[in-house]
Amino acid sequence: MGELVFVGLGLHDDLGISLKGVEETKTADMVFLETYTSLLSGFSLKRFENNIRKELIPVTRRDLEEMNGQAILKAAANGKAVLLVPGDPLVATTHVMLRIAAEKEGIKTRVVHGASILSAAIGLSGLHNYKFGKSVTIPFPDENPSETPYQVVVQNQKLGLHTLCFLDIEAEQKRYLNVHDSLNELLRVEKRRTEKAVTLDTLAVGIARAGSTNSKVKAGYVSELLNYDFGDPPHCIVFPGKLHFMEADALIVLADAPEDIRKAAE
């Protein structure tokens, strides 16, 4: 019986994978690499292949979503296949669906977890992880922009919870949504909805390149963040809800937030 192992690559580069993940990869018959769900800007394909002494087979969005991962399932049915995924391998629903499909075909599956932006962004912000509500992805703006991200911020704010916003990427086109464009899009929705969820005076936290040695974390009001240079992608945004006094202190010390946020802290 075959086997499919989902292995998380962690954040930023090819050195973020766990030792367990490396060993699983070295003993695989075929190794697939998926890079469209996130950006590992420091990943060296050559260095990684030299380390595991295997050639990596790239996997596109079409391979997984339109072709239902058939090439991976076929390889797993005939031996041990490993799917390398940025971050933690089961954060993306596409990979959960692939695991379900494998199990239904009688293919044994296992998971080697990796560092995730979910925990990294929360940790870098200094906010309490148990006070985060629903997370959401802000898509690239188009002619019919989605109001869902704005609605999620509104819902979480009503409960006093923080909101983690992932920013859309199109890896094959090398397009990566940034903090500036995301905030502008939310401000456009604010003009239509007028619920004062994301205004120029709203506190937010921009995070860039989490997991790298040059990560950037900056907290401030939207008016300030619109003009702040976060540098290269990937980026994400956190909209804080009600702040505990320790959270306010963390944002000031760790993310250069304005001192006056202490006034609203509890």
Protein backbone atom coordinates (compact mmCIF):
# COMPACT_ATOMS: atom_id res chain seq x y z
CA MET A 1 0.00 0.00 0.00
CA GLY A 2 1.27 3.48 -0.91
CA GLU A 3 1.86 6.46 1.32
CA LEU A 4 1.54 10.22 1.01
CA VAL A 5 3.37 12.42 3.52
CA PHE A 6 2.55 16.12 3.77
CA VAL A 7 5.63 18.03 4.93
CA GLY A 8 5.65 21.68 6.02
CA LEU A 9 8.55 23.79 4.82
CA GLY A 10 8.10 26.50 7.42
CA LEU A 11 8.68 30.15 6.62
CA HIS A 12 10.92 32.11 4.27
CA ASP A 13 13.56 29.61 3.04
CA ASP A 14 14.67 25.98 2.61
CA LEU A 15 16.18 25.91 6.11
CA GLY A 16 12.80 26.18 7.84
CA ILE A 17 11.87 22.53 7.38
CA SER A 18 12.12 20.32 10.48
CA LEU A 19 14.69 17.53 10.81
CA LYS A 20 11.78 15.09 10.72
CA GLY A 21 10.63 16.63 7.46
CA VAL A 22 14.10 16.28 5.94
CA GLU A 23 14.28 12.60 6.87
CA GLU A 24 10.83 11.90 5.43
CA THR A 25 11.82 13.64 2.20
CA LYS A 26 15.09 11.75 1.87
CA THR A 27 13.29 8.38 2.08
CA ALA A 28 10.57 9.24 -0.45
CA ASP A 29 10.33 7.71 -3.89
CA MET A 30 8.99 10.96 -5.37
CA VAL A 31 8.99 14.48 -3.93
CA PHE A 32 6.58 17.19 -5.04
CA LEU A 33 6.96 20.91 -4.26
CA GLU A 34 3.97 23.24 -4.05
CA THR A 35 4.75 26.97 -3.94
CA TYR A 36 1.58 28.71 -5.10
CA THR A 37 -0.15 29.04 -1.71
CA SER A 38 2.64 31.13 -0.19
CA LEU A 39 5.96 32.77 -0.97
CA LEU A 40 9.26 31.40 0.34
CA SER A 41 11.41 34.28 -0.87
CA GLY A 42 14.67 32.78 0.40
CA PHE A 43 14.11 29.25 -0.85
CA SER A 44 17.04 27.76 -2.77
CA LEU A 45 15.88 24.87 -4.94
CA LYS A 46 19.43 23.80 -5.77
CA ARG A 47 20.56 23.81 -2.14
CA PHE A 48 17.51 21.85 -1.04
CA GLU A 49 17.87 19.24 -3.78
CA ASN A 50 21.55 18.83 -2.90
CA ASN A 51 20.61 18.33 0.72
CA ILE A 52 18.02 15.61 0.13
CA ARG A 53 19.74 14.21 -2.97
CA LYS A 54 16.49 14.15 -4.91
CA GLU A 55 14.90 16.15 -7.70
CA LEU A 56 11.80 18.12 -6.74
CA ILE A 57 8.74 17.98 -8.98
CA PRO A 58 6.93 21.36 -9.06
CA VAL A 59 3.18 21.40 -8.47
CA THR A 60 0.99 24.21 -9.80
CA ARG A 61 -2.45 25.40 -8.76
CA ARG A 62 -3.85 23.64 -11.83
CA ASP A 63 -2.23 20.33 -10.78
CA LEU A 64 -3.94 20.40 -7.40
CA GLU A 65 -7.21 22.20 -8.00
CA GLU A 66 -8.16 21.36 -11.57
CA MET A 67 -6.43 17.98 -11.86
CA ASN A 68 -7.27 17.05 -8.25
CA GLY A 69 -3.68 16.11 -7.52
CA GLN A 70 -3.87 12.99 -9.68
CA ALA A 71 -0.12 12.91 -10.39
CA ILE A 72 0.62 12.97 -6.65
CA LEU A 73 -2.01 10.33 -5.87
CA LYS A 74 -0.64 8.08 -8.60
CA ALA A 75 2.88 8.36 -7.21
CA ALA A 76 1.63 7.71 -3.68
CA ALA A 77 -0.34 4.64 -4.79
CA ASN A 78 2.87 3.07 -6.08
CA GLY A 79 5.29 4.03 -3.30
CA LYS A 80 6.09 6.80 -0.88
CA ALA A 81 5.35 10.32 -2.09
CA VAL A 82 6.08 13.53 -0.21
CA LEU A 83 4.32 16.84 -0.86
CA LEU A 84 6.34 19.81 0.37
CA VAL A 85 4.18 22.80 1.30
CA PRO A 86 5.14 26.28 2.52
CA GLY A 87 4.27 26.91 6.16
CA ASP A 88 2.15 24.19 7.74
CA PRO A 89 0.93 21.72 5.12
CA LEU A 90 -2.73 21.58 6.12
CA VAL A 91 -3.57 25.26 6.54
CA ALA A 92 -4.68 25.46 2.89
CA THR A 93 -8.00 23.67 2.27
CA THR A 94 -6.67 22.35 -1.05
CA HIS A 95 -4.24 20.12 0.78
CA VAL A 96 -6.91 18.86 3.17
CA MET A 97 -8.98 17.83 0.16
CA LEU A 98 -5.99 15.99 -1.30
CA ARG A 99 -5.47 14.12 1.96
CA ILE A 100 -9.14 13.10 2.03
CA ALA A 101 -8.92 11.90 -1.58
CA ALA A 102 -5.82 9.84 -0.77
CA GLU A 103 -7.42 8.17 2.23
CA LYS A 104 -10.52 7.32 0.18
CA GLU A 105 -8.26 5.57 -2.34
CA GLY A 106 -6.67 3.52 0.42
CA ILE A 107 -3.45 5.54 0.49
CA LYS A 108 -2.02 6.02 3.96
CA THR A 109 -1.34 9.67 4.81
CA ARG A 110 0.82 11.33 7.44
CA VAL A 111 1.67 14.94 8.31
CA VAL A 112 4.92 16.58 9.37
CA HIS A 113 3.94 20.02 10.55
CA GLY A 114 5.92 23.21 9.96
CA ALA A 115 5.99 26.77 11.25
CA SER A 116 2.93 28.68 10.06
CA ILE A 117 2.19 32.33 9.36
CA LEU A 118 -0.78 31.86 11.69
CA SER A 119 1.45 31.52 14.73
CA ALA A 120 4.34 33.62 13.40
CA ALA A 121 2.30 36.74 12.65
CA ILE A 122 0.52 36.57 15.99
CA GLY A 123 3.78 36.06 17.84
CA LEU A 124 5.56 38.89 16.04
CA SER A 125 2.71 41.30 16.78
CA GLY A 126 2.85 40.56 20.51
CA LEU A 127 -0.93 40.19 20.67
CA HIS A 128 -2.52 37.38 22.67
CA ASN A 129 -3.27 34.40 20.43
CA TYR A 130 -6.53 33.49 22.23
CA LYS A 131 -8.02 36.89 21.37
CA PHE A 132 -7.95 36.37 17.60
CA GLY A 133 -11.22 35.82 15.78
CA LYS A 134 -11.83 34.62 12.24
CA SER A 135 -8.98 35.20 9.79
CA VAL A 136 -9.52 36.24 6.17
CA THR A 137 -7.69 36.68 2.86
CA ILE A 138 -7.77 40.06 1.14
CA PRO A 139 -7.90 39.37 -2.62
CA PHE A 140 -6.44 41.43 -5.42
CA PRO A 141 -8.85 44.29 -6.25
CA ASP A 142 -10.87 43.93 -9.42
CA GLU A 143 -13.98 45.43 -10.95
CA ASN A 144 -16.17 43.77 -8.32
CA PRO A 145 -14.11 43.92 -5.12
CA SER A 146 -15.03 41.55 -2.32
CA GLU A 147 -16.46 43.06 0.86
CA THR A 148 -15.82 39.85 2.82
CA PRO A 149 -12.53 40.99 4.43
CA TYR A 150 -14.19 44.17 5.65
CA GLN A 151 -17.15 42.21 6.99
CA VAL A 152 -14.84 39.87 8.91
CA VAL A 153 -13.07 42.83 10.53
CA VAL A 154 -16.47 44.24 11.52
CA GLN A 155 -17.61 40.94 13.02
CA ASN A 156 -14.42 40.49 15.02
CA GLN A 157 -14.43 44.10 16.24
CA LYS A 158 -17.94 43.68 17.63
CA LEU A 159 -16.57 40.82 19.75
CA GLY A 160 -13.43 42.71 20.73
CA LEU A 161 -11.28 40.24 18.79
CA HIS A 162 -8.21 40.73 16.60
CA THR A 163 -8.29 39.97 12.85
CA LEU A 164 -5.43 38.40 10.91
CA CYS A 165 -5.60 39.22 7.20
CA PHE A 166 -3.61 37.22 4.69
CA LEU A 167 -2.80 39.07 1.47
CA ASP A 168 -3.46 37.44 -1.88
CA ILE A 169 -0.67 36.07 -4.06
CA GLU A 170 -0.45 34.82 -7.62
CA ALA A 171 2.89 33.05 -7.50
CA GLU A 172 2.98 32.00 -11.14
CA GLN A 173 2.52 35.65 -12.21
CA LYS A 174 4.82 36.87 -9.41
CA ARG A 175 2.07 39.12 -8.05
CA TYR A 176 1.93 39.74 -4.32
CA LEU A 177 -0.60 42.01 -2.66
CA ASN A 178 1.00 44.47 -0.24
CA VAL A 179 -0.08 46.34 2.88
CA HIS A 180 -0.57 49.66 1.07
CA ASP A 181 -2.92 48.36 -1.64
CA SER A 182 -4.83 46.18 0.84
CA LEU A 183 -5.52 49.13 3.16
CA ASN A 184 -6.63 51.27 0.23
CA GLU A 185 -9.06 48.56 -0.84
CA LEU A 186 -10.54 48.31 2.66
CA LEU A 187 -10.87 52.10 2.78
CA ARG A 188 -12.85 51.98 -0.47
CA VAL A 189 -15.21 49.47 1.09
CA GLU A 190 -15.45 51.69 4.18
CA LYS A 191 -16.75 54.53 2.01
CA ARG A 192 -19.61 52.28 0.89
CA ARG A 193 -20.34 50.62 4.22
CA THR A 194 -19.57 53.51 6.61
CA GLU A 195 -19.32 51.23 9.66
CA LYS A 196 -16.03 52.81 10.80
CA ALA A 197 -14.25 49.46 10.82
CA VAL A 198 -11.28 50.56 8.70
CA THR A 199 -10.69 54.30 8.64
CA LEU A 200 -7.56 56.43 8.53
CA ASP A 201 -7.70 56.44 12.34
CA THR A 202 -7.93 52.64 12.73
CA LEU A 203 -5.03 50.89 14.45
CA ALA A 204 -3.40 48.16 12.36
CA VAL A 205 -0.22 46.11 12.29
CA GLY A 206 1.67 45.41 9.09
CA ILE A 207 3.98 42.39 9.00
CA ALA A 208 6.43 41.55 6.23
CA ARG A 209 8.65 38.51 5.61
CA ALA A 210 7.77 36.67 8.82
CA GLY A 211 10.33 34.00 9.58
CA SER A 212 13.21 35.76 7.86
CA THR A 213 16.15 37.57 9.43
CA ASN A 214 14.85 40.87 8.06
CA SER A 215 11.19 40.63 9.04
CA LYS A 216 9.39 43.92 9.52
CA VAL A 217 6.61 44.63 12.04
CA LYS A 218 5.03 48.07 12.24
CA ALA A 219 1.94 49.09 14.18
CA GLY A 220 0.24 52.42 13.64
CA TYR A 221 -2.88 54.10 12.40
CA VAL A 222 -3.90 53.34 8.83
CA SER A 223 -2.99 56.87 7.74
CA GLU A 224 0.62 56.19 8.80
CA LEU A 225 0.86 52.66 7.45
CA LEU A 226 -0.29 53.79 4.00
CA ASN A 227 3.02 55.63 3.67
CA TYR A 228 5.24 53.08 5.39
CA ASP A 229 7.68 51.03 3.32
CA PHE A 230 7.35 47.37 4.33
CA GLY A 231 9.73 46.20 1.62
CA ASP A 232 9.53 42.90 -0.21
CA PRO A 233 6.66 40.39 0.18
CA PRO A 234 5.02 38.45 1.62
CA HIS A 235 2.94 40.82 3.74
CA CYS A 236 0.01 40.39 6.10
CA ILE A 237 -2.07 42.73 8.29
CA VAL A 238 -3.52 42.48 11.78
CA PHE A 239 -6.41 44.65 12.95
CA PRO A 240 -6.38 44.64 16.75
CA GLY A 241 -9.62 44.47 18.70
CA LYS A 242 -9.80 45.45 22.36
CA LEU A 243 -6.29 45.65 23.76
CA HIS A 244 -5.09 44.29 27.09
CA PHE A 245 -2.54 46.66 28.65
CA MET A 246 0.19 44.05 28.01
CA GLU A 247 -0.78 43.91 24.34
CA ALA A 248 -0.58 47.68 24.06
CA ASP A 249 2.87 47.59 25.64
CA ALA A 250 3.97 44.86 23.21
CA LEU A 251 2.81 46.85 20.19
CA ILE A 252 4.63 49.95 21.40
CA VAL A 253 7.89 48.15 22.23
CA LEU A 254 7.96 45.51 19.51
CA ALA A 255 6.12 47.25 16.67
CA ASP A 256 6.74 50.97 17.25
CA ALA A 257 3.06 51.72 17.84
CA PRO A 258 2.07 55.24 18.98
CA GLU A 259 2.10 55.72 22.76
CA ASP A 260 -1.49 56.94 22.83
CA ILE A 261 -2.86 53.43 22.22
CA ARG A 262 -2.39 52.86 25.97
CA LYS A 263 -5.44 55.06 26.61
CA ALA A 264 -7.81 52.52 25.07
CA ALA A 265 -6.16 49.47 26.65
CA GLU A 266 -7.80 47.59 29.52
